[in-house]
Protein backbone atom coordinates (compact mmCIF):
# COMPACT_ATOMS: atom_id res chain seq x y z
CA MET A 1 67.48 -22.83 -54.36
CA LYS A 2 67.72 -20.17 -57.10
CA LYS A 3 69.34 -21.31 -60.34
CA ILE A 4 72.62 -19.86 -61.72
CA ARG A 5 71.64 -18.48 -65.13
CA PHE A 6 73.90 -19.35 -68.15
CA ALA A 7 73.84 -15.95 -69.85
CA ALA A 8 76.01 -14.17 -67.30
CA ILE A 9 78.62 -16.96 -67.22
CA THR A 10 78.94 -17.10 -71.00
CA ALA A 11 79.35 -13.35 -71.33
CA SER A 12 82.02 -13.22 -68.59
CA LEU A 13 84.12 -15.99 -70.07
CA CYS A 14 84.11 -14.54 -73.55
CA MET A 15 85.25 -11.12 -72.30
CA LEU A 16 88.68 -12.67 -71.52
CA PRO A 17 90.21 -13.05 -75.04
CA THR A 18 93.80 -12.98 -73.85
CA LEU A 19 93.25 -15.98 -71.66
CA LEU A 20 90.85 -17.89 -73.85
CA THR A 21 92.07 -17.13 -77.35
CA GLY A 22 89.97 -19.98 -78.75
CA CYS A 23 86.61 -18.48 -77.69
CA ILE A 24 84.62 -17.37 -80.74
CA PHE A 25 81.41 -15.61 -79.56
CA ASP A 26 78.37 -15.34 -81.86
CA PRO A 27 75.96 -13.00 -79.99
CA VAL A 28 72.93 -13.95 -82.08
CA LYS A 29 73.48 -17.67 -81.84
CA ASP A 30 74.54 -17.66 -78.21
CA ALA A 31 71.74 -15.34 -77.03
CA VAL A 32 69.09 -17.54 -78.63
CA ASP A 33 70.83 -20.71 -77.44
CA VAL A 34 71.08 -19.35 -73.92
CA ALA A 35 67.40 -18.38 -73.95
CA THR A 36 66.52 -21.82 -75.27
CA ALA A 37 68.56 -23.46 -72.53
CA GLU A 38 66.87 -21.33 -69.88
CA ILE A 39 63.46 -22.37 -71.14
CA GLU A 40 64.37 -26.05 -71.27
CA GLU A 41 65.74 -25.93 -67.74
CA SER A 42 62.44 -24.46 -66.59
CA ILE A 43 60.63 -27.27 -68.40
CA THR A 44 62.63 -29.83 -66.48
CA ALA A 45 61.81 -28.14 -63.18
CA VAL A 46 58.10 -27.85 -63.93
CA GLU A 47 57.82 -31.49 -65.01
CA ARG A 48 59.65 -32.58 -61.85
CA GLU A 49 57.36 -30.76 -59.40
CA SER A 50 53.67 -29.85 -59.88
CA GLY A 51 53.83 -26.36 -58.38
CA ALA A 52 57.30 -25.43 -59.64
CA TRP A 53 55.91 -23.26 -62.41
CA ARG A 54 54.95 -20.62 -59.82
CA ASN A 55 58.65 -19.88 -59.17
CA GLU A 56 60.05 -20.90 -62.54
CA LEU A 57 57.99 -18.60 -64.72
CA PRO A 58 58.92 -15.34 -62.90
CA GLN A 59 62.61 -16.34 -62.89
CA LEU A 60 62.48 -17.28 -66.53
CA THR A 61 60.81 -13.96 -67.36
CA GLU A 62 63.60 -12.13 -65.55
CA ALA A 63 66.35 -14.07 -67.36
CA LEU A 64 64.76 -13.57 -70.79
CA THR A 65 64.25 -9.86 -70.14
CA SER A 66 67.94 -9.54 -69.28
CA ALA A 67 68.96 -11.44 -72.43
CA ALA A 68 66.77 -9.20 -74.59
CA GLN A 69 68.27 -6.08 -73.05
CA ASP A 70 71.80 -7.38 -73.66
CA ALA A 71 70.96 -8.07 -77.30
CA LEU A 72 69.60 -4.54 -77.72
CA ALA A 73 72.76 -3.09 -76.13
CA GLN A 74 74.81 -5.02 -78.70
CA GLY A 75 72.76 -3.56 -81.53
CA LYS A 76 70.97 -6.80 -82.32
CA ALA A 77 67.42 -5.45 -82.63
CA ASP A 78 66.03 -8.56 -84.29
CA VAL A 79 67.36 -10.75 -81.48
CA GLU A 80 65.99 -8.34 -78.90
CA GLN A 81 62.62 -8.37 -80.63
CA VAL A 82 62.25 -12.15 -80.74
CA LEU A 83 63.44 -12.51 -77.14
CA THR A 84 61.08 -9.76 -75.97
CA GLY A 85 58.20 -11.56 -77.70
CA THR A 86 59.21 -14.77 -75.97
CA THR A 87 59.44 -12.91 -72.65
CA ASN A 88 55.94 -11.50 -73.09
CA SER A 89 54.63 -14.98 -73.89
CA VAL A 90 56.13 -16.35 -70.68
CA ARG A 91 54.71 -13.45 -68.67
CA SER A 92 51.26 -14.00 -70.24
CA LEU A 93 51.57 -17.73 -69.58
CA ALA A 94 52.23 -17.03 -65.92
CA GLU A 95 49.27 -14.67 -65.61
CA ASP A 96 46.84 -17.03 -67.38
CA THR A 97 47.98 -20.06 -65.40
CA ILE A 98 47.63 -18.20 -62.11
CA LYS A 99 44.03 -17.38 -63.06
CA LEU A 100 43.32 -20.99 -63.95
CA SER A 101 44.94 -22.46 -60.85
CA GLY A 102 42.99 -20.05 -58.65
CA LEU A 103 39.76 -21.56 -59.89
CA THR A 104 39.20 -24.78 -57.98
CA ALA A 105 37.18 -27.70 -59.26
CA GLU A 106 34.52 -26.93 -56.64
CA GLN A 107 34.25 -23.35 -57.87
CA LEU A 108 33.90 -24.53 -61.44
CA VAL A 109 31.16 -26.94 -60.44
CA ALA A 110 29.35 -24.20 -58.51
CA SER A 111 29.59 -21.84 -61.47
CA PHE A 112 28.87 -24.20 -64.32
CA GLY A 113 27.24 -27.31 -62.87
CA ALA A 114 29.79 -29.82 -64.17
CA GLU A 115 33.33 -30.89 -63.40
CA VAL A 116 35.91 -29.23 -65.64
CA ARG A 117 38.85 -31.42 -66.60
CA CYS A 118 41.23 -28.43 -66.86
CA ASN A 119 42.48 -28.66 -63.29
CA LEU A 120 45.80 -28.01 -61.57
CA ASP A 121 47.61 -31.02 -63.09
CA PHE A 122 46.44 -29.72 -66.40
CA ALA A 123 48.07 -26.36 -65.56
CA ARG A 124 51.44 -28.01 -64.98
CA THR A 125 51.13 -29.99 -68.21
CA ARG A 126 50.18 -26.94 -70.23
CA VAL A 127 52.97 -24.77 -68.80
CA SER A 128 55.46 -27.44 -69.81
CA ALA A 129 53.93 -27.81 -73.28
CA THR A 130 53.81 -24.05 -73.88
CA LEU A 131 57.41 -23.57 -72.79
CA ARG A 132 58.44 -26.34 -75.16
CA GLN A 133 56.62 -24.55 -77.98
CA LEU A 134 58.53 -21.34 -77.14
CA SER A 135 61.81 -23.23 -77.13
CA ASP A 136 61.03 -24.84 -80.48
CA SER A 137 59.99 -21.46 -81.88
CA LEU A 138 63.35 -19.91 -80.99
CA LYS A 139 65.20 -22.81 -82.60
CA PHE A 140 63.00 -22.49 -85.70
CA TRP A 141 63.67 -18.73 -85.82
CA LYS A 142 67.40 -19.23 -85.66
CA GLU A 143 67.47 -21.98 -88.29
CA ASN A 144 64.94 -20.48 -90.75
CA ASP A 145 66.18 -17.00 -91.50
CA LYS A 146 64.66 -15.48 -88.44
CA LYS A 147 61.05 -16.47 -89.22
CA LEU A 148 58.73 -17.61 -86.46
CA PRO A 149 56.59 -20.74 -86.95
CA PRO A 150 52.78 -20.43 -86.97
CA PRO A 151 51.19 -20.68 -83.52
CA PRO A 152 49.84 -24.12 -82.55
CA ALA A 153 46.16 -24.85 -83.06
CA HIS A 154 43.96 -24.69 -79.99
CA SER A 155 42.48 -27.69 -78.24
CA VAL A 156 39.20 -27.79 -76.31
CA CYS A 157 39.02 -29.57 -72.99
CA GLN A 158 35.37 -28.99 -72.24
CA LEU A 159 32.39 -26.74 -72.81
CA THR A 160 30.79 -25.96 -69.49
CA PRO A 161 27.91 -26.48 -69.48
CA SER A 162 27.75 -28.60 -72.62
CA SER A 163 24.16 -27.63 -73.44
CA VAL A 164 21.78 -24.73 -73.08
CA GLU A 165 18.13 -24.73 -72.14
CA ALA A 166 15.42 -22.52 -73.59
CA SER A 167 11.88 -22.33 -72.24
CA ALA A 168 8.82 -21.39 -74.24
CA SER A 169 7.98 -17.73 -73.65
CA GLY A 170 5.09 -17.44 -76.11
CA GLU A 171 3.75 -18.89 -79.31
CA GLY A 172 6.86 -19.95 -81.20
CA GLN A 173 9.12 -17.92 -78.91
CA TRP A 174 11.87 -19.12 -76.60
CA ALA A 175 14.01 -17.61 -73.86
CA MET A 176 17.26 -19.01 -72.46
CA THR A 177 16.84 -20.30 -68.91
CA PHE A 178 20.10 -22.25 -68.39
CA PRO A 179 22.73 -21.33 -67.55
CA ALA A 180 21.20 -18.46 -65.63
CA ASN A 181 24.06 -16.05 -66.39
CA ARG A 182 23.82 -16.96 -70.11
CA ILE A 183 27.59 -17.62 -70.23
CA ILE A 184 29.17 -20.81 -71.59
CA GLY A 185 32.83 -21.37 -70.67
CA ILE A 186 35.12 -23.07 -73.21
CA TYR A 187 38.14 -24.56 -71.44
CA GLY A 188 41.21 -25.85 -73.19
CA TYR A 189 44.58 -24.46 -74.25
CA ASP A 190 46.37 -22.42 -76.89
CA PHE A 191 43.39 -20.09 -77.37
CA THR A 192 44.29 -16.76 -78.95
CA SER A 193 42.33 -13.55 -79.38
CA THR A 194 42.98 -13.71 -83.13
CA ALA A 195 41.48 -17.17 -83.63
CA LEU A 196 38.08 -16.97 -81.97
CA PRO A 197 35.28 -19.25 -83.17
CA GLY A 198 32.18 -18.30 -85.11
CA VAL A 199 28.93 -19.73 -83.75
CA GLU A 200 26.24 -21.11 -86.08
CA LEU A 201 22.76 -22.44 -85.44
CA ARG A 202 22.38 -25.80 -87.18
CA ASN A 203 19.41 -28.14 -87.47
CA ALA A 204 19.17 -31.84 -86.66
CA SER A 205 20.60 -32.67 -90.12
CA ASP A 206 23.64 -30.45 -89.45
CA VAL A 207 22.50 -27.86 -92.00
CA MET A 208 23.21 -24.27 -91.01
CA VAL A 209 20.01 -22.33 -90.25
CA ARG A 210 21.63 -18.97 -89.50
CA GLU A 211 24.53 -17.24 -87.84
CA SER A 212 24.02 -16.98 -84.11
CA ARG A 213 23.95 -13.76 -82.11
CA VAL A 214 26.38 -15.17 -79.54
CA SER A 215 29.25 -12.91 -78.46
CA VAL A 216 32.66 -14.61 -78.20
CA ALA A 217 35.16 -13.22 -75.68
CA TYR A 218 38.81 -14.21 -75.13
CA VAL A 219 39.56 -14.60 -71.41
CA THR A 220 42.92 -16.40 -71.24
CA ARG A 221 44.82 -18.90 -73.34
CA TYR A 222 42.87 -21.47 -71.33
CA GLN A 223 39.38 -20.01 -71.54
CA ILE A 224 36.96 -18.43 -73.99
CA ASN A 225 33.45 -17.30 -72.98
CA LEU A 226 30.32 -17.47 -75.09
CA ASP A 227 27.81 -14.79 -74.10
CA PHE A 228 24.23 -15.65 -75.09
CA SER A 229 22.72 -12.37 -73.87
CA GLY A 230 22.06 -11.22 -77.43
CA GLU A 231 20.81 -14.55 -78.77
CA THR A 232 17.07 -14.50 -79.56
CA PHE A 233 16.60 -18.27 -80.07
CA GLU A 234 14.59 -17.66 -83.22
CA GLN A 235 14.00 -20.51 -85.67
CA ILE A 236 14.97 -23.23 -83.20
CA ALA A 237 13.37 -26.66 -82.98
CA GLU A 238 14.01 -30.07 -81.44
CA GLY A 239 17.45 -31.44 -82.28
CA TYR A 240 18.97 -28.05 -83.13
CA LYS A 241 22.41 -27.09 -81.83
CA PHE A 242 24.95 -24.27 -81.73
CA VAL A 243 28.14 -25.23 -83.56
CA LEU A 244 31.53 -23.53 -83.04
CA ARG A 245 33.70 -23.18 -86.18
CA TRP A 246 37.35 -22.32 -85.55
CA PRO A 247 39.80 -20.60 -87.92
CA ASP A 248 42.80 -22.55 -86.57
CA ASN A 249 41.27 -26.02 -86.23
CA PRO A 250 38.86 -27.84 -88.57
CA GLU A 251 37.34 -29.76 -85.67
CA PRO A 252 34.03 -28.09 -84.63
CA ASN A 253 32.43 -28.14 -81.21
CA ALA A 254 28.69 -28.34 -80.57
CA LEU A 255 26.32 -27.16 -77.86
CA SER A 256 23.05 -29.04 -77.71
CA ILE A 257 19.82 -27.14 -77.12
CA THR A 258 17.21 -28.50 -74.73
CA LEU A 259 13.77 -27.01 -75.32
CA ILE A 260 11.73 -26.75 -72.14
CA ARG A 261 8.07 -26.59 -73.01
CA PRO A 262 5.51 -25.17 -70.55
CA SER A 263 3.40 -27.43 -68.41
CA ASP A 264 0.67 -29.19 -70.36
CA ILE A 265 -1.86 -30.76 -68.04
CA LYS A 266 -4.02 -33.50 -69.52
CA ILE A 267 -6.62 -35.79 -67.98
CA THR A 268 -5.52 -39.14 -69.35
CA ALA A 269 -7.97 -41.44 -67.58
CA VAL A 270 -11.04 -41.41 -65.33
CA ASN A 271 -11.87 -44.67 -63.59
CA PHE A 272 -14.84 -45.59 -61.42
CA PRO A 273 -14.52 -48.57 -59.05
CA ASN A 274 -18.12 -49.45 -59.92
CA ASN A 275 -19.38 -48.56 -63.38
CA ASN A 276 -23.00 -49.31 -62.40
CA PRO A 277 -23.53 -47.84 -58.95
CA ARG A 278 -26.94 -47.87 -57.32
CA ALA A 279 -28.69 -44.65 -56.62
CA ARG A 280 -29.09 -43.51 -53.01
CA VAL A 281 -26.90 -46.22 -51.47
CA ASP A 282 -23.62 -46.63 -53.38
CA VAL A 283 -20.79 -44.19 -52.76
CA VAL A 284 -19.14 -43.11 -56.00
CA ALA A 285 -15.56 -41.75 -56.11
CA PRO A 286 -13.68 -41.69 -59.43
CA THR A 287 -9.90 -41.79 -59.67
CA VAL A 288 -8.57 -39.20 -62.10
CA GLU A 289 -5.20 -39.68 -63.82
CA ILE A 290 -3.48 -36.33 -64.44
CA THR A 291 -0.42 -36.22 -66.75
CA ASN A 292 1.88 -33.26 -67.30
CA MET A 293 2.88 -33.63 -70.94
CA GLY A 294 4.86 -30.38 -70.96
CA GLY A 295 8.37 -29.52 -69.92
CA GLN A 296 7.73 -27.45 -66.81
CA PRO A 297 6.04 -28.26 -63.50
CA SER A 298 2.49 -27.02 -63.12
CA GLY A 299 1.28 -24.82 -60.33
CA ASP A 300 -1.14 -25.99 -57.67
CA LEU A 301 -4.23 -27.44 -59.34
CA VAL A 302 -7.87 -27.90 -58.40
CA VAL A 303 -9.43 -30.99 -59.96
CA THR A 304 -13.23 -30.87 -60.11
CA TRP A 305 -15.87 -33.48 -60.80
CA LYS A 306 -19.46 -32.65 -61.63
CA PRO A 307 -21.36 -35.94 -61.33
CA GLY A 308 -24.25 -34.74 -63.49
CA PRO A 309 -25.75 -31.58 -64.98
CA GLU A 310 -27.81 -30.91 -61.86
CA ASP A 311 -25.41 -32.34 -59.29
CA PRO A 312 -23.03 -30.32 -57.07
CA ILE A 313 -19.35 -30.00 -58.01
CA ARG A 314 -16.84 -32.03 -56.03
CA SER A 315 -13.27 -30.68 -55.92
CA GLN A 316 -9.81 -31.81 -54.86
CA GLN A 317 -6.69 -29.58 -54.66
CA ILE A 318 -3.33 -31.08 -55.60
CA THR A 319 0.29 -29.92 -55.45
CA PRO A 320 2.26 -29.10 -58.64
CA VAL A 321 2.67 -31.93 -61.14
CA ARG A 322 6.25 -32.32 -62.39
CA ALA A 323 7.07 -32.44 -66.09
CA GLY A 324 6.29 -35.93 -67.40
CA GLU A 325 4.66 -37.00 -64.14
CA LYS A 326 1.44 -39.01 -63.93
CA ARG A 327 -0.62 -38.33 -60.83
CA LEU A 328 -3.61 -40.35 -59.59
CA VAL A 329 -6.14 -38.13 -57.85
CA ALA A 330 -8.84 -39.69 -55.65
CA MET A 331 -11.89 -37.45 -55.91
CA PRO A 332 -14.36 -36.76 -53.09
CA THR A 333 -17.26 -39.20 -52.85
CA TYR A 334 -20.80 -38.66 -54.04
CA THR A 335 -24.04 -40.65 -53.90
CA TYR A 336 -26.47 -40.18 -56.73
CA PRO A 337 -29.99 -39.50 -55.43
CA HIS A 338 -31.68 -40.95 -58.51
CA ALA A 339 -31.08 -43.59 -61.13
CA GLY A 340 -30.36 -42.80 -64.77
CA ARG A 341 -27.54 -42.10 -67.20
CA PHE A 342 -25.60 -39.07 -66.02
CA ALA A 343 -23.24 -36.98 -68.16
CA PHE A 344 -20.34 -36.13 -65.87
CA THR A 345 -17.45 -33.70 -66.37
CA VAL A 346 -13.96 -33.76 -64.84
CA ASN A 347 -11.78 -30.66 -65.09
CA ALA A 348 -8.12 -30.14 -64.18
CA GLY A 349 -7.38 -26.59 -63.17
CA GLY A 350 -9.46 -25.18 -66.00
CA LEU A 351 -6.80 -26.49 -68.39
CA ASN A 352 -8.32 -29.72 -69.62
CA SER A 353 -11.68 -31.49 -69.35
CA TRP A 354 -12.95 -35.03 -69.63
CA ASN A 355 -16.58 -35.81 -70.39
CA GLY A 356 -18.27 -39.14 -69.94
CA GLU A 357 -21.43 -40.94 -68.89
CA LEU A 358 -22.16 -43.06 -65.86
CA ASN A 359 -25.07 -45.45 -65.63
CA VAL A 360 -26.65 -45.26 -62.18
CA THR A 361 -28.99 -48.15 -61.53
CA PRO A 362 -32.03 -47.84 -59.29
CA TYR A 363 -31.68 -48.72 -55.69
CA ALA A 364 -35.16 -50.20 -55.98
CA ASN A 365 -35.30 -52.98 -58.58
CA LEU A 366 -38.60 -54.81 -58.05
CA PRO A 367 -41.13 -53.76 -60.74
CA SER A 368 -44.39 -52.53 -59.31
CA GLU A 369 -47.27 -50.29 -60.29
CA ALA A 370 -50.07 -48.31 -58.72
CA PHE A 371 -53.17 -46.68 -60.25
CA ILE A 372 -56.04 -44.38 -59.58
CA ASP A 373 -59.27 -43.77 -61.53
CA LEU A 374 -59.83 -40.26 -62.77
CA SER A 375 -62.91 -38.61 -64.21
CA GLY A 376 -64.15 -35.11 -64.84
CA GLU A 377 -66.85 -33.13 -66.67
CA TRP A 378 -67.20 -29.44 -67.46
CA PRO A 379 -69.88 -28.04 -65.19
CA GLY A 380 -72.91 -26.18 -66.54
CA GLY A 381 -73.34 -28.20 -69.71
CA GLY A 382 -70.09 -27.13 -71.45
CA GLY A 383 -67.42 -24.47 -71.73
CA ASP A 384 -66.76 -21.66 -74.10
CA ARG A 385 -64.21 -22.02 -76.80
CA GLY A 386 -60.68 -20.92 -75.85
CA LYS A 387 -61.16 -21.83 -72.21
CA THR A 388 -59.61 -24.82 -70.43
CA MET A 389 -60.18 -26.56 -67.12
CA ALA A 390 -58.02 -29.13 -65.31
CA PHE A 391 -59.50 -32.12 -63.44
CA PRO A 392 -59.33 -32.99 -60.67
CA ARG A 393 -58.45 -29.90 -58.67
CA PRO A 394 -56.10 -30.21 -56.88
CA ALA A 395 -54.28 -32.92 -58.86
CA ALA A 396 -55.00 -36.49 -57.94
CA GLN A 397 -52.24 -38.24 -55.98
CA VAL A 398 -51.13 -41.85 -56.07
CA GLN A 399 -49.32 -42.84 -52.89
CA LEU A 400 -46.41 -45.23 -53.41
CA GLU A 401 -44.39 -47.47 -51.15
CA LYS A 402 -41.39 -46.09 -49.35
CA ASP A 403 -38.16 -45.92 -51.38
CA CYS A 404 -39.94 -46.69 -54.64
CA GLU A 405 -38.63 -44.95 -57.74
CA LEU A 406 -40.20 -44.11 -61.05
CA ASP A 407 -39.55 -46.83 -63.64
CA THR A 408 -38.98 -45.00 -66.89
CA SER A 409 -38.44 -48.25 -68.79
CA ARG A 410 -42.22 -48.65 -68.91
CA GLY A 411 -45.14 -46.46 -69.80
CA GLY A 412 -45.10 -43.29 -71.85
CA GLY A 413 -46.97 -42.77 -75.08
CA SER A 414 -49.25 -40.53 -77.13
CA PHE A 415 -52.56 -40.47 -78.96
CA GLU A 416 -54.27 -38.32 -81.58
CA VAL A 417 -57.40 -36.20 -81.12
CA GLU A 418 -59.59 -34.73 -83.87
CA ASP A 419 -60.72 -31.13 -84.00
CA ILE A 420 -64.39 -30.77 -83.11
CA ASP A 421 -65.28 -28.83 -86.29
CA HIS A 422 -62.61 -30.15 -88.65
CA PRO A 423 -62.08 -33.89 -88.15
CA GLU A 424 -59.30 -33.90 -90.72
CA ARG A 425 -57.27 -31.79 -88.33
CA LYS A 426 -55.54 -33.82 -85.65
CA TYR A 427 -53.28 -32.97 -82.78
CA THR A 428 -51.18 -35.19 -80.54
CA ILE A 429 -51.36 -35.55 -76.78
CA SER A 430 -48.38 -37.29 -75.15
CA PHE A 431 -47.37 -38.34 -71.65
CA PRO A 432 -43.89 -39.20 -70.29
CA ALA A 433 -42.30 -42.57 -69.56
CA GLY A 434 -43.19 -44.07 -66.21
CA TYR A 435 -46.92 -43.26 -66.57
CA ASN A 436 -49.96 -44.40 -68.50
CA PHE A 437 -53.32 -42.72 -69.15
CA ASP A 438 -55.97 -45.24 -70.15
CA PHE A 439 -59.06 -43.31 -71.33
CA ARG A 440 -62.24 -45.36 -71.19
CA GLU A 441 -65.92 -45.32 -72.09
CA GLY A 442 -67.55 -42.01 -71.34
CA THR A 443 -64.60 -39.96 -72.63
CA PHE A 444 -65.42 -37.33 -75.23
CA TRP A 445 -62.03 -37.47 -76.94
CA ARG A 446 -62.40 -34.22 -78.84
CA SER A 447 -62.60 -32.33 -75.56
CA LEU A 448 -59.15 -33.48 -74.38
CA GLN A 449 -56.56 -30.68 -74.27
CA SER A 450 -53.55 -32.24 -72.43
CA VAL A 451 -52.48 -34.59 -69.67
CA TYR A 452 -50.06 -33.99 -66.79
CA ALA A 453 -48.08 -36.40 -64.60
CA SER A 454 -45.24 -35.90 -62.10
CA PHE A 455 -43.27 -37.88 -59.55
CA ASP A 456 -42.16 -36.57 -56.15
CA PRO A 457 -39.67 -38.84 -54.32
CA THR A 458 -39.34 -36.50 -51.33
CA GLY A 459 -41.16 -36.72 -48.06
CA SER A 460 -41.86 -39.73 -45.94
CA THR A 461 -43.39 -41.60 -48.88
CA PRO A 462 -43.09 -40.90 -52.60
CA HIS A 463 -46.18 -40.09 -54.64
CA ALA A 464 -47.25 -39.30 -58.18
CA GLU A 465 -49.74 -36.67 -59.36
CA ALA A 466 -52.01 -36.56 -62.39
CA GLN A 467 -54.40 -34.16 -64.07
CA VAL A 468 -56.37 -34.06 -67.31
CA THR A 469 -57.16 -30.73 -68.94
CA LEU A 470 -60.32 -30.29 -70.98
CA LYS A 471 -60.98 -27.54 -73.45
CA GLY A 472 -64.23 -25.69 -73.92
CA LEU A 473 -65.97 -26.74 -77.15
CA GLY A 474 -68.63 -24.03 -77.24
CA GLY A 475 -71.47 -24.52 -79.66
CA HIS A 476 -70.70 -27.09 -82.33
CA GLY A 477 -72.44 -29.30 -84.81
CA ILE A 478 -75.57 -28.57 -86.93
CA PHE A 479 -77.63 -27.44 -83.99
CA ALA A 480 -74.73 -25.66 -82.26
CA SER A 481 -75.06 -27.84 -79.21
CA ARG A 482 -72.62 -27.51 -76.30
CA GLY A 483 -70.54 -30.12 -74.48
CA PRO A 484 -70.03 -32.74 -73.43
CA GLU A 485 -66.45 -31.99 -72.19
CA ARG A 486 -65.78 -35.04 -70.06
CA PHE A 487 -63.36 -37.94 -69.58
CA ASN A 488 -63.07 -41.22 -67.73
CA ALA A 489 -59.56 -42.70 -67.31
CA ARG A 490 -57.28 -44.84 -65.25
CA PHE A 491 -53.91 -43.28 -64.37
CA THR A 492 -51.11 -45.81 -63.74
CA VAL A 493 -47.67 -45.18 -62.25
CA PHE A 494 -44.89 -47.69 -62.98
CA THR A 495 -42.30 -48.03 -60.23
CA LEU A 496 -39.31 -49.97 -59.04
CA CYS A 497 -39.42 -50.75 -55.35
CA PRO A 498 -36.90 -52.30 -52.96
CA SER A 499 -37.02 -56.03 -52.58
CA LYS A 500 -38.50 -57.09 -49.31
């Protein structure tokens, strides 16, 4: 039911002086008192019912407008001015509160990702509190030579969201990634367009680094927006924050800054189930631990493993690795064809590598050896200087047992040979591990040029080959005699063969 406003009743009664000779009417006092009473009645109604402000504020605006017009008609411009200001405040209060109440908690969550405490009950509370401030202001004006009190300081309910995120966009450069619209909403009450905050960038020790480039916009008495569109995020580091400094309240507000670093893929471990696999029989499959030490998820990755310098690459594709995640990747299997120490390489998406060595033991482990006697002599009584000849031709072969492997832990060596004309000059002939050349009686040492040995594990049975190369001596000595370019040797191959 619509209220009966006091202003009309008071004016009517005091227009009857012949009947009510005791009525002394003070237009200034009574107009302000009537307006104050109207406001306080609206306060009572709003506090009694949550949604009452929707009806009360328009009615109160109408009553105050009428009172201001009456004061102006009576020539009381100062009264009209203060009541018009109060009327405008009530009208603005209604508009701002309608905007706030139209924004549901779900909408605020959808827009800002967090629940805002300034909800509908808050609207009722703030309407009541603001009306009380207007009532107190009118009383203060009347009792203090028509001076209005200073406006109340603002209060902040919540910053939504309460932090911003910036992702690395280059070396030492950052770009804001959250919130996506680059707007931070400040919710509270008693905000004014003349008391907007300044925004500073401060370090972890709360020392100001610089003024921010954040734009501050007044929305309503309940909301201020911070627009980060112009902020460059220069000079920021871990622990930095944006701090709001207000002209009407010494209490600052802070926005934390979360720095999102790009993905940083590292290989943090490579483990082999067997650190001494056997060649030819044991299946080898390392497990690779991938860690994203950055702040963003990686893309799809291809993890590769090269078992040895001459071995084929094995690869495994994996899905993106989240920031901070450790991922165990089982690599494809491989069987080493030969024993030895192999330098392997693991690579994660071309971003990080891991190098190591793996000792592959022979499948065959029973020491054995085989030999063949070799001999050769330059035909025709000797060769010309500068010419060489290999014996035998083709190379001699030593047939080995099936699945035997060269044992490089034995054999190998070198010996010195003198020059035919200058004995003080010596040169070295060497042969690799796994073989031995035993030169015997009948060898003319100065005619030796080099030795050759090789191992071929392919085919139905493995075998080794050997050759000795002689050099032509030409005429030498006092009588310029030729030859003899000849040798007599035993060639031995050291092997490891499977146990029977």
